[in-house]
C-alpha cells in the first residue's frame, strides 16, 4: 500500500513538472527568410520562456524543413529555446 502511495505521488509530481515545462507559443510575423544563411527574422511578441520583450530578431530553426515552410509576411505561432547557445525556433504552428 505504501508503495502504491509513493507511485501515485510520483505520477502527480511528474504531471505537474510536464505541465510547467509545456511549451508556450508566441505570436509573430515573418519579416525575412534567409534560406542560404539558414535564418529567419521575426517580429514577435514577448518570449516569456526566454524573458525577452517583444522585438524583431533573427532566429535559427531546429531543422531546415521548418525554414522551408516560412514565407515573408506570414503570421505564425512558435516556440523558441536556447540550443547550443543560439536562440532557435523549436516548433511552429
C-alpha atoms as a PDB file:
ATOM      1  CA  UNK A   1       0.000   0.000   0.000  1.00  0.00           C
ATOM      2  CA  UNK A   2       2.843   2.362   0.882  1.00  0.00           C
ATOM      3  CA  UNK A   3       4.498   1.679  -2.492  1.00  0.00           C
ATOM      4  CA  UNK A   4       1.227   2.491  -4.248  1.00  0.00           C
ATOM      5  CA  UNK A   5       1.043   5.883  -2.490  1.00  0.00           C
ATOM      6  CA  UNK A   6       4.630   6.665  -3.437  1.00  0.00           C
ATOM      7  CA  UNK A   7       3.918   5.680  -7.032  1.00  0.00           C
ATOM      8  CA  UNK A   8       0.813   7.888  -7.201  1.00  0.00           C
ATOM      9  CA  UNK A   9       2.687  10.813  -5.650  1.00  0.00           C
ATOM     10  CA  UNK A  10       5.489  10.384  -8.200  1.00  0.00           C
ATOM     11  CA  UNK A  11       2.976  10.367 -11.056  1.00  0.00           C
ATOM     12  CA  UNK A  12       1.359  13.552  -9.753  1.00  0.00           C
ATOM     13  CA  UNK A  13       4.725  15.313  -9.473  1.00  0.00           C
ATOM     14  CA  UNK A  14       5.656  14.201 -12.961  1.00  0.00           C
ATOM     15  CA  UNK A  15       2.401  15.544 -14.378  1.00  0.00           C
ATOM     16  CA  UNK A  16       2.947  18.902 -12.669  1.00  0.00           C
ATOM     17  CA  UNK A  17       6.511  19.129 -13.990  1.00  0.00           C
ATOM     18  CA  UNK A  18       5.319  18.309 -17.529  1.00  0.00           C
ATOM     19  CA  UNK A  19       2.604  20.984 -17.491  1.00  0.00           C
ATOM     20  CA  UNK A  20       5.029  23.576 -16.110  1.00  0.00           C
ATOM     21  CA  UNK A  21       7.514  22.857 -18.886  1.00  0.00           C
ATOM     22  CA  UNK A  22       4.901  22.652 -21.649  1.00  0.00           C
ATOM     23  CA  UNK A  23       5.889  24.949 -24.492  1.00  0.00           C
ATOM     24  CA  UNK A  24       4.201  28.322 -24.653  1.00  0.00           C
ATOM     25  CA  UNK A  25       3.635  29.583 -28.192  1.00  0.00           C
ATOM     26  CA  UNK A  26       4.457  33.173 -29.131  1.00  0.00           C
ATOM     27  CA  UNK A  27       2.833  35.098 -31.986  1.00  0.00           C
ATOM     28  CA  UNK A  28       4.976  36.673 -34.653  1.00  0.00           C
ATOM     29  CA  UNK A  29       5.205  37.828 -38.253  1.00  0.00           C
ATOM     30  CA  UNK A  30       7.941  36.599 -40.578  1.00  0.00           C
ATOM     31  CA  UNK A  31       9.902  39.594 -41.822  1.00  0.00           C
ATOM     32  CA  UNK A  32      12.647  37.831 -43.797  1.00  0.00           C
ATOM     33  CA  UNK A  33      13.632  34.265 -44.688  1.00  0.00           C
ATOM     34  CA  UNK A  34      17.326  33.612 -45.397  1.00  0.00           C
ATOM     35  CA  UNK A  35      17.492  30.075 -46.801  1.00  0.00           C
ATOM     36  CA  UNK A  36      21.209  30.282 -47.577  1.00  0.00           C
ATOM     37  CA  UNK A  37      22.098  31.538 -44.087  1.00  0.00           C
ATOM     38  CA  UNK A  38      19.532  29.182 -42.509  1.00  0.00           C
ATOM     39  CA  UNK A  39      17.932  32.048 -40.547  1.00  0.00           C
ATOM     40  CA  UNK A  40      14.583  33.763 -40.245  1.00  0.00           C
ATOM     41  CA  UNK A  41      13.810  37.272 -38.990  1.00  0.00           C
ATOM     42  CA  UNK A  42      10.593  37.530 -36.984  1.00  0.00           C
ATOM     43  CA  UNK A  43       8.731  40.459 -35.435  1.00  0.00           C
ATOM     44  CA  UNK A  44       7.445  38.785 -32.280  1.00  0.00           C
ATOM     45  CA  UNK A  45       5.541  39.332 -29.056  1.00  0.00           C
ATOM     46  CA  UNK A  46       7.200  38.792 -25.682  1.00  0.00           C
ATOM     47  CA  UNK A  47       9.063  35.473 -25.399  1.00  0.00           C
ATOM     48  CA  UNK A  48       8.132  34.684 -21.808  1.00  0.00           C
ATOM     49  CA  UNK A  49      10.100  31.428 -21.672  1.00  0.00           C
ATOM     50  CA  UNK A  50      13.305  33.319 -22.552  1.00  0.00           C
ATOM     51  CA  UNK A  51      12.387  36.500 -20.630  1.00  0.00           C
ATOM     52  CA  UNK A  52      12.659  38.642 -23.777  1.00  0.00           C
ATOM     53  CA  UNK A  53      10.469  41.628 -24.612  1.00  0.00           C
ATOM     54  CA  UNK A  54       8.663  41.987 -27.916  1.00  0.00           C
ATOM     55  CA  UNK A  55      11.098  42.853 -30.700  1.00  0.00           C
ATOM     56  CA  UNK A  56      12.375  41.965 -34.159  1.00  0.00           C
ATOM     57  CA  UNK A  57      15.135  39.361 -34.120  1.00  0.00           C
ATOM     58  CA  UNK A  58      16.886  36.682 -36.133  1.00  0.00           C
ATOM     59  CA  UNK A  59      16.371  33.012 -35.241  1.00  0.00           C
ATOM     60  CA  UNK A  60      17.789  29.692 -36.330  1.00  0.00           C
ATOM     61  CA  UNK A  61      15.343  26.827 -36.856  1.00  0.00           C
ATOM     62  CA  UNK A  62      15.619  23.369 -35.333  1.00  0.00           C
ATOM     63  CA  UNK A  63      15.607  21.874 -38.833  1.00  0.00           C
ATOM     64  CA  UNK A  64      15.683  23.073 -42.434  1.00  0.00           C
ATOM     65  CA  UNK A  65      12.148  21.820 -43.102  1.00  0.00           C
ATOM     66  CA  UNK A  66      10.780  24.486 -40.742  1.00  0.00           C
ATOM     67  CA  UNK A  67      12.619  27.196 -42.642  1.00  0.00           C
ATOM     68  CA  UNK A  68      11.260  25.944 -45.973  1.00  0.00           C
ATOM     69  CA  UNK A  69       7.630  26.407 -44.807  1.00  0.00           C
ATOM     70  CA  UNK A  70       8.050  30.079 -43.825  1.00  0.00           C
ATOM     71  CA  UNK A  71       7.154  32.994 -46.106  1.00  0.00           C
ATOM     72  CA  UNK A  72       7.671  36.747 -45.654  1.00  0.00           C
ATOM     73  CA  UNK A  73       4.591  38.405 -44.157  1.00  0.00           C
ATOM     74  CA  UNK A  74       3.268  35.115 -42.751  1.00  0.00           C
ATOM     75  CA  UNK A  75       1.697  35.232 -39.290  1.00  0.00           C
ATOM     76  CA  UNK A  76       2.920  32.347 -37.139  1.00  0.00           C
ATOM     77  CA  UNK A  77       2.913  30.987 -33.619  1.00  0.00           C
ATOM     78  CA  UNK A  78       6.175  29.445 -32.494  1.00  0.00           C
ATOM     79  CA  UNK A  79       8.239  28.232 -29.563  1.00  0.00           C
ATOM     80  CA  UNK A  80      11.893  29.063 -29.100  1.00  0.00           C
ATOM     81  CA  UNK A  81      14.665  27.921 -26.801  1.00  0.00           C
ATOM     82  CA  UNK A  82      18.427  28.153 -26.480  1.00  0.00           C
ATOM     83  CA  UNK A  83      20.021  25.320 -28.452  1.00  0.00           C
ATOM     84  CA  UNK A  84      23.828  25.146 -28.382  1.00  0.00           C
ATOM     85  CA  UNK A  85      23.890  28.759 -27.203  1.00  0.00           C
ATOM     86  CA  UNK A  86      21.732  30.078 -30.072  1.00  0.00           C
ATOM     87  CA  UNK A  87      18.095  31.077 -29.834  1.00  0.00           C
ATOM     88  CA  UNK A  88      16.310  28.558 -32.026  1.00  0.00           C
ATOM     89  CA  UNK A  89      12.722  28.043 -33.164  1.00  0.00           C
ATOM     90  CA  UNK A  90      11.741  24.616 -31.935  1.00  0.00           C
ATOM     91  CA  UNK A  91       8.127  24.389 -33.160  1.00  0.00           C
ATOM     92  CA  UNK A  92       5.780  26.288 -35.491  1.00  0.00           C
ATOM     93  CA  UNK A  93       2.029  26.101 -35.796  1.00  0.00           C
END
